[in-house]
Protein backbone atom coordinates (compact mmCIF):
# COMPACT_ATOMS: atom_id res chain seq x y z
CA MET A 1 0.05 0.04 -0.20
CA LYS A 2 2.76 2.42 1.08
CA ARG A 3 4.47 1.52 -2.30
CA ILE A 4 1.31 2.46 -4.24
CA ILE A 5 0.57 5.84 -2.34
CA PHE A 6 4.55 6.89 -3.08
CA LEU A 7 4.09 6.12 -6.92
CA CYS A 8 1.07 8.16 -7.00
CA VAL A 9 2.77 10.94 -5.50
CA ILE A 10 5.88 10.68 -7.65
CA THR A 11 3.95 10.44 -11.07
CA PHE A 12 0.96 12.99 -10.16
CA PRO A 13 2.91 16.14 -10.56
CA PHE A 14 4.12 14.65 -14.25
CA VAL A 15 0.50 14.18 -15.28
CA LEU A 16 -0.42 17.64 -13.90
CA SER A 17 2.34 19.23 -16.06
CA ALA A 18 1.77 17.19 -19.21
CA GLN A 19 0.49 18.54 -22.57
CA MET A 20 -1.32 16.53 -25.00
CA TYR A 21 -2.35 18.66 -27.98
CA VAL A 22 -5.21 17.68 -30.13
CA ARG A 23 -6.49 18.94 -33.50
CA LYS A 24 -9.84 20.63 -33.62
CA LYS A 25 -11.83 20.90 -36.67
CA GLN A 26 -11.41 24.34 -37.13
CA ASN A 27 -8.38 25.55 -39.60
CA PHE A 28 -7.63 27.84 -42.22
CA GLY A 29 -4.75 27.84 -45.16
CA VAL A 30 -3.07 29.94 -47.52
CA TYR A 31 -1.58 28.79 -51.02
CA GLY A 32 0.61 30.28 -53.24
CA GLN A 33 0.91 28.78 -56.87
CA TYR A 34 3.65 29.28 -59.69
CA ASN A 35 2.27 28.18 -63.58
CA ILE A 36 4.30 27.56 -66.55
CA GLY A 37 2.06 27.23 -69.81
CA LEU A 38 2.74 24.37 -72.08
CA ALA A 39 1.33 26.29 -75.22
CA GLU A 40 3.47 28.42 -77.76
CA ASN A 41 2.42 31.60 -76.24
CA ASN A 42 5.17 31.03 -73.39
CA ASN A 43 2.57 32.27 -70.47
CA THR A 44 3.55 32.13 -67.08
CA SER A 45 1.39 33.18 -63.98
CA PHE A 46 1.14 32.88 -60.21
CA ASN A 47 -2.28 32.31 -57.75
CA LEU A 48 -2.64 33.16 -54.41
CA GLY A 49 -5.54 32.37 -51.80
CA ILE A 50 -7.07 30.78 -49.04
CA THR A 51 -8.25 27.37 -48.08
CA LYS A 52 -9.84 25.15 -45.93
CA GLN A 53 -9.71 21.66 -44.98
CA PHE A 54 -13.37 19.79 -44.39
CA GLY A 55 -12.71 16.28 -43.08
CA ARG A 56 -9.92 14.05 -44.17
CA TYR A 57 -10.62 14.39 -48.00
CA PHE A 58 -11.96 17.99 -49.19
CA LEU A 59 -10.28 21.52 -49.21
CA PRO A 60 -12.15 24.32 -51.11
CA GLU A 61 -10.04 27.16 -52.46
CA PHE A 62 -10.63 30.77 -53.43
CA GLY A 63 -8.05 33.14 -54.81
CA TYR A 64 -6.54 35.59 -57.37
CA ARG A 65 -4.30 35.06 -60.32
CA SER A 66 -2.23 37.13 -62.42
CA SER A 67 -1.16 36.14 -65.92
CA THR A 68 1.68 37.44 -68.20
CA ILE A 69 1.86 36.11 -72.00
CA SER A 70 4.86 36.66 -73.70
CA ASN A 71 5.78 36.57 -77.09
CA VAL A 72 2.21 37.45 -78.38
CA ASP A 73 2.06 37.36 -82.48
CA ARG A 74 -0.44 40.43 -82.63
CA ALA A 75 0.21 43.71 -84.57
CA ASP A 76 -2.54 45.50 -82.74
CA LEU A 77 -0.69 44.99 -79.56
CA LEU A 78 1.87 48.09 -78.61
CA SER A 79 3.62 45.73 -75.75
CA PRO A 80 4.75 42.28 -76.28
CA PHE A 81 3.37 41.39 -73.25
CA GLN A 82 -0.23 41.07 -72.31
CA HIS A 83 -1.63 40.87 -68.47
CA LYS A 84 -4.80 39.77 -66.99
CA ASN A 85 -6.29 38.82 -63.73
CA TYR A 86 -8.48 36.39 -62.58
CA LEU A 87 -10.70 35.31 -59.70
CA ASN A 88 -11.30 31.68 -59.13
CA ILE A 89 -12.86 28.78 -56.82
CA ALA A 90 -11.79 25.20 -56.69
CA LEU A 91 -12.80 22.17 -54.96
CA MET A 92 -10.05 19.81 -54.31
CA ALA A 93 -10.49 16.20 -53.52
CA ARG A 94 -7.27 14.42 -52.06
CA LEU A 95 -6.14 10.79 -51.14
CA PRO A 96 -2.95 9.78 -49.08
CA VAL A 97 -1.59 6.75 -51.18
CA LEU A 98 1.91 6.37 -50.07
CA THR A 99 4.04 6.76 -47.11
CA ILE A 100 8.07 7.19 -47.53
CA PHE A 101 11.27 7.82 -45.68
CA GLU A 102 9.95 6.09 -42.35
CA ARG A 103 12.30 6.76 -39.52
CA LYS A 104 12.33 7.12 -35.93
CA LYS A 105 13.71 10.04 -34.17
CA GLY A 106 13.98 10.06 -30.32
CA ARG A 107 10.60 9.11 -29.04
CA SER A 108 8.58 10.05 -32.29
CA CYS A 109 8.07 8.27 -35.53
CA ARG A 110 8.52 10.15 -38.72
CA ALA A 111 7.61 10.42 -42.25
CA GLU A 112 6.41 11.81 -45.29
CA VAL A 113 3.03 10.93 -46.84
CA ILE A 114 2.25 11.11 -50.92
CA GLU A 115 -1.23 12.18 -52.04
CA VAL A 116 -2.91 12.06 -54.89
CA PHE A 117 -5.69 15.12 -55.66
CA PHE A 118 -8.12 16.22 -58.44
CA ALA A 119 -9.81 19.84 -58.28
CA PRO A 120 -12.20 21.16 -60.73
CA GLU A 121 -11.92 25.18 -61.08
CA ALA A 122 -13.90 27.91 -62.47
CA TYR A 123 -12.22 31.07 -63.49
CA TYR A 124 -13.53 34.57 -64.03
CA ASN A 125 -11.51 36.96 -65.96
CA LEU A 126 -11.29 40.47 -64.16
CA PRO A 127 -12.49 43.07 -66.79
CA GLN A 128 -9.87 45.03 -68.08
CA ALA A 129 -9.33 47.19 -70.84
CA ASN A 130 -7.17 44.89 -72.94
CA SER A 131 -9.55 41.60 -71.97
CA THR A 132 -13.12 40.66 -72.62
CA ALA A 133 -15.04 39.62 -69.53
CA ASN A 134 -15.53 35.89 -69.53
CA SER A 135 -15.25 32.63 -67.22
CA PHE A 136 -14.21 29.10 -68.12
CA LEU A 137 -13.90 25.72 -66.52
CA SER A 138 -10.58 24.07 -65.75
CA TYR A 139 -9.13 21.26 -63.50
CA LYS A 140 -5.90 20.46 -61.97
CA THR A 141 -4.62 17.24 -61.11
CA GLY A 142 -1.10 15.84 -59.23
CA LEU A 143 0.96 14.88 -56.32
CA GLY A 144 1.04 16.42 -52.98
CA LEU A 145 4.17 15.91 -50.65
CA TYR A 146 3.84 16.68 -46.51
CA HIS A 147 5.34 15.55 -43.39
CA VAL A 148 3.95 13.82 -40.43
CA GLN A 149 4.90 12.50 -36.98
CA SER A 150 3.81 10.90 -34.10
CA GLY A 151 3.47 12.81 -30.76
CA PHE A 152 1.15 15.23 -29.14
CA GLY A 153 3.23 18.54 -29.25
CA LYS A 154 1.45 21.83 -30.18
CA ARG A 155 3.62 22.63 -33.20
CA ASN A 156 3.30 19.09 -34.75
CA LYS A 157 -0.70 19.23 -34.17
CA ALA A 158 -1.21 23.08 -35.33
CA TRP A 159 0.59 23.02 -38.78
CA THR A 160 0.57 20.95 -41.96
CA ILE A 161 2.75 22.28 -44.81
CA LYS A 162 2.32 20.69 -48.37
CA LEU A 163 4.41 20.81 -51.56
CA GLU A 164 2.22 19.75 -54.43
CA GLY A 165 3.11 19.90 -58.33
CA TYR A 166 0.13 19.34 -60.83
CA TYR A 167 -0.91 19.53 -64.47
CA ARG A 168 -3.99 21.88 -65.31
CA GLY A 169 -6.23 21.37 -68.27
CA ILE A 170 -9.39 23.20 -69.56
CA PHE A 171 -12.65 21.63 -69.69
CA ARG A 172 -14.58 24.67 -71.24
CA GLN A 173 -13.10 28.08 -72.56
CA GLN A 174 -15.42 30.88 -74.16
CA ASN A 175 -12.75 32.86 -75.68
CA MET A 176 -9.33 31.55 -76.96
CA ASP A 177 -7.92 34.83 -75.90
CA ASN A 178 -7.63 33.74 -72.33
CA THR A 179 -4.29 33.20 -71.14
CA ILE A 180 -4.92 29.82 -69.18
CA ASN A 181 -4.37 26.86 -71.37
CA LYS A 182 -2.60 23.16 -70.62
CA GLU A 183 0.36 24.18 -68.21
CA ILE A 184 2.06 22.57 -65.13
CA GLY A 185 2.57 24.39 -62.06
CA LEU A 186 4.06 24.09 -58.37
CA GLN A 187 2.07 24.84 -55.01
CA LEU A 188 2.87 25.57 -51.47
CA ARG A 189 -0.18 25.14 -48.85
CA ILE A 190 0.08 26.21 -45.26
CA ILE A 191 -2.99 25.14 -43.22
CA HIS A 192 -2.91 25.94 -39.34
CA TYR A 193 -5.18 24.18 -36.92
CA LYS A 194 -6.70 25.33 -33.75
CA THR A 195 -5.48 22.62 -31.03
CA TYR A 196 -6.49 22.16 -27.30
CA ASP A 197 -4.94 20.65 -24.56
CA PHE A 198 -6.09 16.99 -23.89
CA VAL A 199 -4.91 16.62 -20.29
CA ASP A 200 -6.62 20.07 -19.19
């Protein structure tokens, strides 16, 4: 009996001071994309936006895109560059498929996860003096890579950073003067989750 009491006295302060953080469903993220066109007009662009994860598989996106076309072969343009801006929405569906580089460091297990994703997109061309307002549908599909590790540390549970490479294609385009066509891109996605201390 004395041993049990002694053990409780010794371990009780450690239980009180322990911190075990768990993710809540509330989260908010940002993303940035850099796109390179595969067509002859050599267009490049970047996207910036906000995102949020719902459950394990879906991430809606809302963003802004700025595109630049170089080597435009048109006599009526005073500049060899043409700029267009867009608003866009997308709904990404993701699925983890492979875990790589599994390792143990200290008391935690660590690995990288590869996921596949597909996202239908809708773009709206912001009216400008040198462009016709129109909308079109596209999609992106590719692979994502992110880090995971065991444990209940706050930073581990609060943040997820993903690097994603993708191909973008077009479903429907009303105006062939659009700057978006087939392209490849690289995206960085950062999501912050609210956490709480499970012990408290």
